[in-house]
Amino acid sequence: MTVSVRLPRVLTETVGSGPRHEVTGRTLSEVLENLFTAEPGLKGHLLDETGRIRPHVLMFVDATRADLETPIRDGSDVQILQAVSGG
């Protein structure tokens, strides 16, 4: 399954890649692993040491909140967001 992954600007500036990536995978976990192959610097920003999605990261598949086991269909849109905090 080929999907489009959209990254927030803060991540594209960090790793030097563009905001959109075409990636394959049958689950969100597979999509992310294939994305990390192309952009290994993203992994530490999105997943913690145990391989879970970091608490400040939100992932959506076709506009629905997703977890690593969320199935992917061909042509799905994956959007990754990071919470912004401060004062």
PDB file of N, CA and C in Angstrom:
ATOM      1  N   MET A   1       0.832  -1.176   0.000  1.00  0.00           N
ATOM      2  CA  MET A   1       0.000   0.000   0.000  1.00  0.00           C
ATOM      3  C   MET A   1       0.884   1.248   0.000  1.00  0.00           C
ATOM      4  N   THR A   2       0.651   2.142  -0.897  1.00  0.00           N
ATOM      5  CA  THR A   2       1.399   3.390  -0.945  1.00  0.00           C
ATOM      6  C   THR A   2       0.554   4.488  -0.331  1.00  0.00           C
ATOM      7  N   VAL A   3       1.165   5.243   0.580  1.00  0.00           N
ATOM      8  CA  VAL A   3       0.465   6.327   1.263  1.00  0.00           C
ATOM      9  C   VAL A   3       1.298   7.595   1.195  1.00  0.00           C
ATOM     10  N   SER A   4       0.645   8.711   1.436  1.00  0.00           N
ATOM     11  CA  SER A   4       1.320   9.998   1.526  1.00  0.00           C
ATOM     12  C   SER A   4       1.448  10.356   2.998  1.00  0.00           C
ATOM     13  N   VAL A   5       2.671  10.637   3.438  1.00  0.00           N
ATOM     14  CA  VAL A   5       2.926  11.037   4.819  1.00  0.00           C
ATOM     15  C   VAL A   5       3.264  12.518   4.828  1.00  0.00           C
ATOM     16  N   ARG A   6       2.524  13.279   5.640  1.00  0.00           N
ATOM     17  CA  ARG A   6       2.768  14.720   5.767  1.00  0.00           C
ATOM     18  C   ARG A   6       3.400  14.996   7.126  1.00  0.00           C
ATOM     19  N   LEU A   7       4.516  15.701   7.102  1.00  0.00           N
ATOM     20  CA  LEU A   7       5.240  16.051   8.318  1.00  0.00           C
ATOM     21  C   LEU A   7       5.018  17.516   8.677  1.00  0.00           C
ATOM     22  N   PRO A   8       5.032  17.826   9.963  1.00  0.00           N
ATOM     23  CA  PRO A   8       4.943  19.235  10.346  1.00  0.00           C
ATOM     24  C   PRO A   8       6.239  19.961   9.998  1.00  0.00           C
ATOM     25  N   ARG A   9       6.130  21.251   9.809  1.00  0.00           N
ATOM     26  CA  ARG A   9       7.288  22.060   9.409  1.00  0.00           C
ATOM     27  C   ARG A   9       8.478  21.890  10.357  1.00  0.00           C
ATOM     28  N   VAL A  10       8.225  21.829  11.659  1.00  0.00           N
ATOM     29  CA  VAL A  10       9.320  21.710  12.616  1.00  0.00           C
ATOM     30  C   VAL A  10      10.163  20.460  12.340  1.00  0.00           C
ATOM     31  N   LEU A  11       9.555  19.387  11.891  1.00  0.00           N
ATOM     32  CA  LEU A  11      10.328  18.180  11.575  1.00  0.00           C
ATOM     33  C   LEU A  11      11.038  18.290  10.246  1.00  0.00           C
ATOM     34  N   THR A  12      10.439  18.943   9.269  1.00  0.00           N
ATOM     35  CA  THR A  12      11.121  19.062   7.981  1.00  0.00           C
ATOM     36  C   THR A  12      12.362  19.930   8.110  1.00  0.00           C
ATOM     37  N   GLU A  13      12.299  20.920   8.989  1.00  0.00           N
ATOM     38  CA  GLU A  13      13.476  21.761   9.211  1.00  0.00           C
ATOM     39  C   GLU A  13      14.561  21.011   9.976  1.00  0.00           C
ATOM     40  N   THR A  14      14.162  20.113  10.859  1.00  0.00           N
ATOM     41  CA  THR A  14      15.119  19.352  11.660  1.00  0.00           C
ATOM     42  C   THR A  14      15.898  18.349  10.822  1.00  0.00           C
ATOM     43  N   VAL A  15      15.218  17.636   9.944  1.00  0.00           N
ATOM     44  CA  VAL A  15      15.884  16.584   9.180  1.00  0.00           C
ATOM     45  C   VAL A  15      16.217  16.994   7.758  1.00  0.00           C
ATOM     46  N   GLY A  16      15.761  18.156   7.341  1.00  0.00           N
ATOM     47  CA  GLY A  16      16.122  18.651   6.018  1.00  0.00           C
ATOM     48  C   GLY A  16      15.347  18.030   4.881  1.00  0.00           C
ATOM     49  N   SER A  17      14.254  17.336   5.176  1.00  0.00           N
ATOM     50  CA  SER A  17      13.449  16.738   4.114  1.00  0.00           C
ATOM     51  C   SER A  17      12.217  17.596   3.863  1.00  0.00           C
ATOM     52  N   GLY A  18      11.545  17.300   2.805  1.00  0.00           N
ATOM     53  CA  GLY A  18      10.324  18.027   2.487  1.00  0.00           C
ATOM     54  C   GLY A  18       9.170  17.577   3.357  1.00  0.00           C
ATOM     55  N   PRO A  19       8.039  18.244   3.228  1.00  0.00           N
ATOM     56  CA  PRO A  19       6.901  17.930   4.082  1.00  0.00           C
ATOM     57  C   PRO A  19       6.108  16.693   3.669  1.00  0.00           C
ATOM     58  N   ARG A  20       6.279  16.209   2.450  1.00  0.00           N
ATOM     59  CA  ARG A  20       5.515  15.036   1.982  1.00  0.00           C
ATOM     60  C   ARG A  20       6.448  13.918   1.556  1.00  0.00           C
ATOM     61  N   HIS A  21       6.035  12.707   1.911  1.00  0.00           N
ATOM     62  CA  HIS A  21       6.795  11.514   1.538  1.00  0.00           C
ATOM     63  C   HIS A  21       5.822  10.445   1.064  1.00  0.00           C
ATOM     64  N   GLU A  22       6.154   9.759  -0.008  1.00  0.00           N
ATOM     65  CA  GLU A  22       5.374   8.613  -0.460  1.00  0.00           C
ATOM     66  C   GLU A  22       6.040   7.376   0.130  1.00  0.00           C
ATOM     67  N   VAL A  23       5.284   6.600   0.906  1.00  0.00           N
ATOM     68  CA  VAL A  23       5.823   5.474   1.656  1.00  0.00           C
ATOM     69  C   VAL A  23       4.861   4.292   1.510  1.00  0.00           C
ATOM     70  N   THR A  24       5.386   3.086   1.661  1.00  0.00           N
ATOM     71  CA  THR A  24       4.541   1.893   1.617  1.00  0.00           C
ATOM     72  C   THR A  24       4.394   1.294   3.006  1.00  0.00           C
ATOM     73  N   GLY A  25       3.355   0.487   3.188  1.00  0.00           N
ATOM     74  CA  GLY A  25       3.142  -0.232   4.437  1.00  0.00           C
ATOM     75  C   GLY A  25       1.698  -0.650   4.583  1.00  0.00           C
ATOM     76  N   ARG A  26       1.466  -1.696   5.372  1.00  0.00           N
ATOM     77  CA  ARG A  26       0.104  -2.194   5.606  1.00  0.00           C
ATOM     78  C   ARG A  26      -0.471  -1.713   6.927  1.00  0.00           C
ATOM     79  N   THR A  27       0.413  -1.261   7.835  1.00  0.00           N
ATOM     80  CA  THR A  27      -0.009  -0.678   9.108  1.00  0.00           C
ATOM     81  C   THR A  27       0.773   0.614   9.299  1.00  0.00           C
ATOM     82  N   LEU A  28       0.339   1.439  10.238  1.00  0.00           N
ATOM     83  CA  LEU A  28       1.075   2.675  10.505  1.00  0.00           C
ATOM     84  C   LEU A  28       2.503   2.356  10.933  1.00  0.00           C
ATOM     85  N   SER A  29       2.687   1.294  11.695  1.00  0.00           N
ATOM     86  CA  SER A  29       4.029   0.896  12.121  1.00  0.00           C
ATOM     87  C   SER A  29       4.936   0.618  10.923  1.00  0.00           C
ATOM     88  N   GLU A  30       4.436  -0.116   9.945  1.00  0.00           N
ATOM     89  CA  GLU A  30       5.227  -0.415   8.744  1.00  0.00           C
ATOM     90  C   GLU A  30       5.524   0.851   7.949  1.00  0.00           C
ATOM     91  N   VAL A  31       4.550   1.720   7.843  1.00  0.00           N
ATOM     92  CA  VAL A  31       4.749   2.993   7.135  1.00  0.00           C
ATOM     93  C   VAL A  31       5.872   3.774   7.798  1.00  0.00           C
ATOM     94  N   LEU A  32       5.834   3.862   9.134  1.00  0.00           N
ATOM     95  CA  LEU A  32       6.871   4.614   9.846  1.00  0.00           C
ATOM     96  C   LEU A  32       8.238   3.983   9.674  1.00  0.00           C
ATOM     97  N   GLU A  33       8.338   2.672   9.766  1.00  0.00           N
ATOM     98  CA  GLU A  33       9.639   2.006   9.586  1.00  0.00           C
ATOM     99  C   GLU A  33      10.202   2.289   8.202  1.00  0.00           C
ATOM    100  N   ASN A  34       9.356   2.279   7.180  1.00  0.00           N
ATOM    101  CA  ASN A  34       9.824   2.598   5.826  1.00  0.00           C
ATOM    102  C   ASN A  34      10.201   4.072   5.698  1.00  0.00           C
ATOM    103  N   LEU A  35       9.475   4.939   6.392  1.00  0.00           N
ATOM    104  CA  LEU A  35       9.841   6.360   6.416  1.00  0.00           C
ATOM    105  C   LEU A  35      11.195   6.545   7.095  1.00  0.00           C
ATOM    106  N   PHE A  36      11.427   5.827   8.190  1.00  0.00           N
ATOM    107  CA  PHE A  36      12.695   5.940   8.920  1.00  0.00           C
ATOM    108  C   PHE A  36      13.871   5.424   8.095  1.00  0.00           C
ATOM    109  N   THR A  37      13.626   4.496   7.194  1.00  0.00           N
ATOM    110  CA  THR A  37      14.694   4.029   6.304  1.00  0.00           C
ATOM    111  C   THR A  37      15.175   5.185   5.428  1.00  0.00           C
ATOM    112  N   ALA A  38      14.232   5.981   4.931  1.00  0.00           N
ATOM    113  CA  ALA A  38      14.586   7.129   4.087  1.00  0.00           C
ATOM    114  C   ALA A  38      15.082   8.306   4.910  1.00  0.00           C
ATOM    115  N   GLU A  39      14.509   8.497   6.089  1.00  0.00           N
ATOM    116  CA  GLU A  39      14.832   9.639   6.960  1.00  0.00           C
ATOM    117  C   GLU A  39      15.065   9.145   8.389  1.00  0.00           C
ATOM    118  N   PRO A  40      16.217   8.525   8.662  1.00  0.00           N
ATOM    119  CA  PRO A  40      16.463   7.935   9.986  1.00  0.00           C
ATOM    120  C   PRO A  40      16.416   8.941  11.137  1.00  0.00           C
ATOM    121  N   GLY A  41      16.659  10.206  10.883  1.00  0.00           N
ATOM    122  CA  GLY A  41      16.627  11.215  11.932  1.00  0.00           C
ATOM    123  C   GLY A  41      15.244  11.458  12.514  1.00  0.00           C
ATOM    124  N   LEU A  42      14.206  11.001  11.826  1.00  0.00           N
ATOM    125  CA  LEU A  42      12.845  11.203  12.314  1.00  0.00           C
ATOM    126  C   LEU A  42      12.479  10.284  13.472  1.00  0.00           C
ATOM    127  N   LYS A  43      13.069   9.108  13.519  1.00  0.00           N
ATOM    128  CA  LYS A  43      12.648   8.090  14.491  1.00  0.00           C
ATOM    129  C   LYS A  43      12.671   8.612  15.925  1.00  0.00           C
ATOM    130  N   GLY A  44      13.736   9.233  16.349  1.00  0.00           N
ATOM    131  CA  GLY A  44      13.850   9.732  17.711  1.00  0.00           C
ATOM    132  C   GLY A  44      12.874  10.844  18.032  1.00  0.00           C
ATOM    133  N   HIS A  45      12.388  11.538  17.019  1.00  0.00           N
ATOM    134  CA  HIS A  45      11.411  12.601  17.228  1.00  0.00           C
ATOM    135  C   HIS A  45       9.995  12.051  17.377  1.00  0.00           C
ATOM    136  N   LEU A  46       9.740  10.890  16.765  1.00  0.00           N
ATOM    137  CA  LEU A  46       8.379  10.360  16.736  1.00  0.00           C
ATOM    138  C   LEU A  46       8.134   9.215  17.710  1.00  0.00           C
ATOM    139  N   LEU A  47       9.151   8.380  17.926  1.00  0.00           N
ATOM    140  CA  LEU A  47       8.993   7.214  18.795  1.00  0.00           C
ATOM    141  C   LEU A  47       9.930   7.303  19.986  1.00  0.00           C
ATOM    142  N   ASP A  48       9.484   6.759  21.122  1.00  0.00           N
ATOM    143  CA  ASP A  48      10.353   6.739  22.304  1.00  0.00           C
ATOM    144  C   ASP A  48      11.279   5.522  22.255  1.00  0.00           C
ATOM    145  N   GLU A  49      12.034   5.302  23.318  1.00  0.00           N
ATOM    146  CA  GLU A  49      13.026   4.226  23.363  1.00  0.00           C
ATOM    147  C   GLU A  49      12.393   2.842  23.291  1.00  0.00           C
ATOM    148  N   THR A  50      11.114   2.733  23.647  1.00  0.00           N
ATOM    149  CA  THR A  50      10.429   1.437  23.621  1.00  0.00           C
ATOM    150  C   THR A  50       9.693   1.206  22.298  1.00  0.00           C
ATOM    151  N   GLY A  51       9.772   2.165  21.378  1.00  0.00           N
ATOM    152  CA  GLY A  51       9.114   2.025  20.087  1.00  0.00           C
ATOM    153  C   GLY A  51       7.677   2.515  20.067  1.00  0.00           C
ATOM    154  N   ARG A  52       7.241   3.185  21.127  1.00  0.00           N
ATOM    155  CA  ARG A  52       5.883   3.745  21.180  1.00  0.00           C
ATOM    156  C   ARG A  52       5.888   5.180  20.660  1.00  0.00           C
ATOM    157  N   ILE A  53       4.725   5.612  20.194  1.00  0.00           N
ATOM    158  CA  ILE A  53       4.582   6.997  19.739  1.00  0.00           C
ATOM    159  C   ILE A  53       4.772   7.913  20.943  1.00  0.00           C
ATOM    160  N   ARG A  54       5.623   8.919  20.797  1.00  0.00           N
ATOM    161  CA  ARG A  54       5.867   9.856  21.897  1.00  0.00           C
ATOM    162  C   ARG A  54       4.564  10.561  22.291  1.00  0.00           C
ATOM    163  N   PRO A  55       4.425  10.909  23.577  1.00  0.00           N
ATOM    164  CA  PRO A  55       3.186  11.523  24.053  1.00  0.00           C
ATOM    165  C   PRO A  55       2.824  12.836  23.357  1.00  0.00           C
ATOM    166  N   HIS A  56       3.805  13.583  22.921  1.00  0.00           N
ATOM    167  CA  HIS A  56       3.518  14.878  22.291  1.00  0.00           C
ATOM    168  C   HIS A  56       3.312  14.781  20.777  1.00  0.00           C
ATOM    169  N   VAL A  57       3.294  13.561  20.253  1.00  0.00           N
ATOM    170  CA  VAL A  57       3.118  13.338  18.817  1.00  0.00           C
ATOM    171  C   VAL A  57       1.734  12.743  18.568  1.00  0.00           C
ATOM    172  N   LEU A  58       1.015  13.313  17.623  1.00  0.00           N
ATOM    173  CA  LEU A  58      -0.279  12.786  17.206  1.00  0.00           C
ATOM    174  C   LEU A  58      -0.158  12.314  15.768  1.00  0.00           C
ATOM    175  N   MET A  59      -0.761  11.153  15.481  1.00  0.00           N
ATOM    176  CA  MET A  59      -0.746  10.621  14.126  1.00  0.00           C
ATOM    177  C   MET A  59      -2.175  10.331  13.695  1.00  0.00           C
ATOM    178  N   PHE A  60      -2.454  10.674  12.455  1.00  0.00           N
ATOM    179  CA  PHE A  60      -3.786  10.492  11.883  1.00  0.00           C
ATOM    180  C   PHE A  60      -3.664   9.741  10.566  1.00  0.00           C
ATOM    181  N   VAL A  61      -4.589   8.817  10.339  1.00  0.00           N
ATOM    182  CA  VAL A  61      -4.704   8.137   9.052  1.00  0.00           C
ATOM    183  C   VAL A  61      -6.079   8.501   8.508  1.00  0.00           C
ATOM    184  N   ASP A  62      -6.083   9.148   7.367  1.00  0.00           N
ATOM    185  CA  ASP A  62      -7.326   9.611   6.748  1.00  0.00           C
ATOM    186  C   ASP A  62      -8.176  10.403   7.746  1.00  0.00           C
ATOM    187  N   ALA A  63      -7.523  11.328   8.453  1.00  0.00           N
ATOM    188  CA  ALA A  63      -8.156  12.267   9.387  1.00  0.00           C
ATOM    189  C   ALA A  63      -8.712  11.616  10.659  1.00  0.00           C
ATOM    190  N   THR A  64      -8.338  10.359  10.928  1.00  0.00           N
ATOM    191  CA  THR A  64      -8.761   9.683  12.151  1.00  0.00           C
ATOM    192  C   THR A  64      -7.525   9.382  12.990  1.00  0.00           C
ATOM    193  N   ARG A  65      -7.574   9.714  14.285  1.00  0.00           N
ATOM    194  CA  ARG A  65      -6.445   9.463  15.180  1.00  0.00           C
ATOM    195  C   ARG A  65      -6.035   8.000  15.085  1.00  0.00           C
ATOM    196  N   ALA A  66      -4.740   7.748  14.999  1.00  0.00           N
ATOM    197  CA  ALA A  66      -4.239   6.401  14.744  1.00  0.00           C
ATOM    198  C   ALA A  66      -3.194   5.984  15.763  1.00  0.00           C
ATOM    199  N   ASP A  67      -3.045   4.654  15.911  1.00  0.00           N
ATOM    200  CA  ASP A  67      -1.942   4.098  16.683  1.00  0.00           C
ATOM    201  C   ASP A  67      -1.108   3.237  15.737  1.00  0.00           C
ATOM    202  N   LEU A  68      -0.072   2.613  16.257  1.00  0.00           N
ATOM    203  CA  LEU A  68       0.863   1.880  15.401  1.00  0.00           C
ATOM    204  C   LEU A  68       0.221   0.698  14.680  1.00  0.00           C
ATOM    205  N   GLU A  69      -0.844   0.159  15.220  1.00  0.00           N
ATOM    206  CA  GLU A  69      -1.504  -1.002  14.598  1.00  0.00           C
ATOM    207  C   GLU A  69      -2.594  -0.619  13.614  1.00  0.00           C
ATOM    208  N   THR A  70      -2.840   0.656  13.430  1.00  0.00           N
ATOM    209  CA  THR A  70      -3.885   1.098  12.508  1.00  0.00           C
ATOM    210  C   THR A  70      -3.590   0.598  11.103  1.00  0.00           C
ATOM    211  N   PRO A  71      -4.555  -0.089  10.482  1.00  0.00           N
ATOM    212  CA  PRO A  71      -4.336  -0.558   9.112  1.00  0.00           C
ATOM    213  C   PRO A  71      -4.318   0.601   8.116  1.00  0.00           C
ATOM    214  N   ILE A  72      -3.568   0.397   7.070  1.00  0.00           N
ATOM    215  CA  ILE A  72      -3.404   1.401   6.011  1.00  0.00           C
ATOM    216  C   ILE A  72      -3.990   0.836   4.730  1.00  0.00           C
ATOM    217  N   ARG A  73      -4.705   1.669   4.014  1.00  0.00           N
ATOM    218  CA  ARG A  73      -5.188   1.246   2.691  1.00  0.00           C
ATOM    219  C   ARG A  73      -4.455   2.059   1.625  1.00  0.00           C
ATOM    220  N   ASP A  74      -4.413   1.522   0.441  1.00  0.00           N
ATOM    221  CA  ASP A  74      -3.718   2.187  -0.649  1.00  0.00           C
ATOM    222  C   ASP A  74      -4.292   3.584  -0.844  1.00  0.00           C
ATOM    223  N   GLY A  75      -3.433   4.569  -0.913  1.00  0.00           N
ATOM    224  CA  GLY A  75      -3.844   5.947  -1.112  1.00  0.00           C
ATOM    225  C   GLY A  75      -4.178   6.700   0.159  1.00  0.00           C
ATOM    226  N   SER A  76      -4.001   6.058   1.314  1.00  0.00           N
ATOM    227  CA  SER A  76      -4.288   6.749   2.579  1.00  0.00           C
ATOM    228  C   SER A  76      -3.394   7.962   2.755  1.00  0.00           C
ATOM    229  N   ASP A  77      -3.878   8.878   3.576  1.00  0.00           N
ATOM    230  CA  ASP A  77      -3.124  10.076   3.920  1.00  0.00           C
ATOM    231  C   ASP A  77      -2.755   9.987   5.392  1.00  0.00           C
ATOM    232  N   VAL A  78      -1.464  10.011   5.694  1.00  0.00           N
ATOM    233  CA  VAL A  78      -0.977   9.970   7.072  1.00  0.00           C
ATOM    234  C   VAL A  78      -0.460  11.360   7.417  1.00  0.00           C
ATOM    235  N   GLN A  79      -0.981  11.916   8.496  1.00  0.00           N
ATOM    236  CA  GLN A  79      -0.518  13.227   8.949  1.00  0.00           C
ATOM    237  C   GLN A  79       0.065  13.082  10.343  1.00  0.00           C
ATOM    238  N   ILE A  80       1.238  13.674  10.529  1.00  0.00           N
ATOM    239  CA  ILE A  80       1.924  13.645  11.817  1.00  0.00           C
ATOM    240  C   ILE A  80       1.948  15.065  12.358  1.00  0.00           C
ATOM    241  N   LEU A  81       1.530  15.214  13.606  1.00  0.00           N
ATOM    242  CA  LEU A  81       1.527  16.518  14.270  1.00  0.00           C
ATOM    243  C   LEU A  81       2.286  16.428  15.578  1.00  0.00           C
ATOM    244  N   GLN A  82       2.926  17.515  15.972  1.00  0.00           N
ATOM    245  CA  GLN A  82       3.593  17.587  17.262  1.00  0.00           C
ATOM    246  C   GLN A  82       2.952  18.705  18.062  1.00  0.00           C
ATOM    247  N   ALA A  83       2.678  18.422  19.329  1.00  0.00           N
ATOM    248  CA  ALA A  83       2.102  19.435  20.196  1.00  0.00           C
ATOM    249  C   ALA A  83       3.117  20.549  20.422  1.00  0.00           C
ATOM    250  N   VAL A  84       2.603  21.750  20.550  1.00  0.00           N
ATOM    251  CA  VAL A  84       3.440  22.914  20.830  1.00  0.00           C
ATOM    252  C   VAL A  84       3.073  23.409  22.214  1.00  0.00           C
ATOM    253  N   SER A  85       4.079  23.623  23.039  1.00  0.00           N
ATOM    254  CA  SER A  85       3.797  24.144  24.378  1.00  0.00           C
ATOM    255  C   SER A  85       4.771  25.257  24.693  1.00  0.00           C
ATOM    256  N   GLY A  86       4.490  25.932  25.736  1.00  0.00           N
ATOM    257  CA  GLY A  86       5.362  27.026  26.133  1.00  0.00           C
ATOM    258  C   GLY A  86       4.561  28.059  26.893  1.00  0.00           C
ATOM    259  N   GLY A  87       5.237  29.092  27.277  1.00  0.00           N
ATOM    260  CA  GLY A  87       4.488  30.074  28.049  1.00  0.00           C
ATOM    261  C   GLY A  87       5.071  31.444  27.892  1.00  0.00           C
TER     262      GLY A  87
END
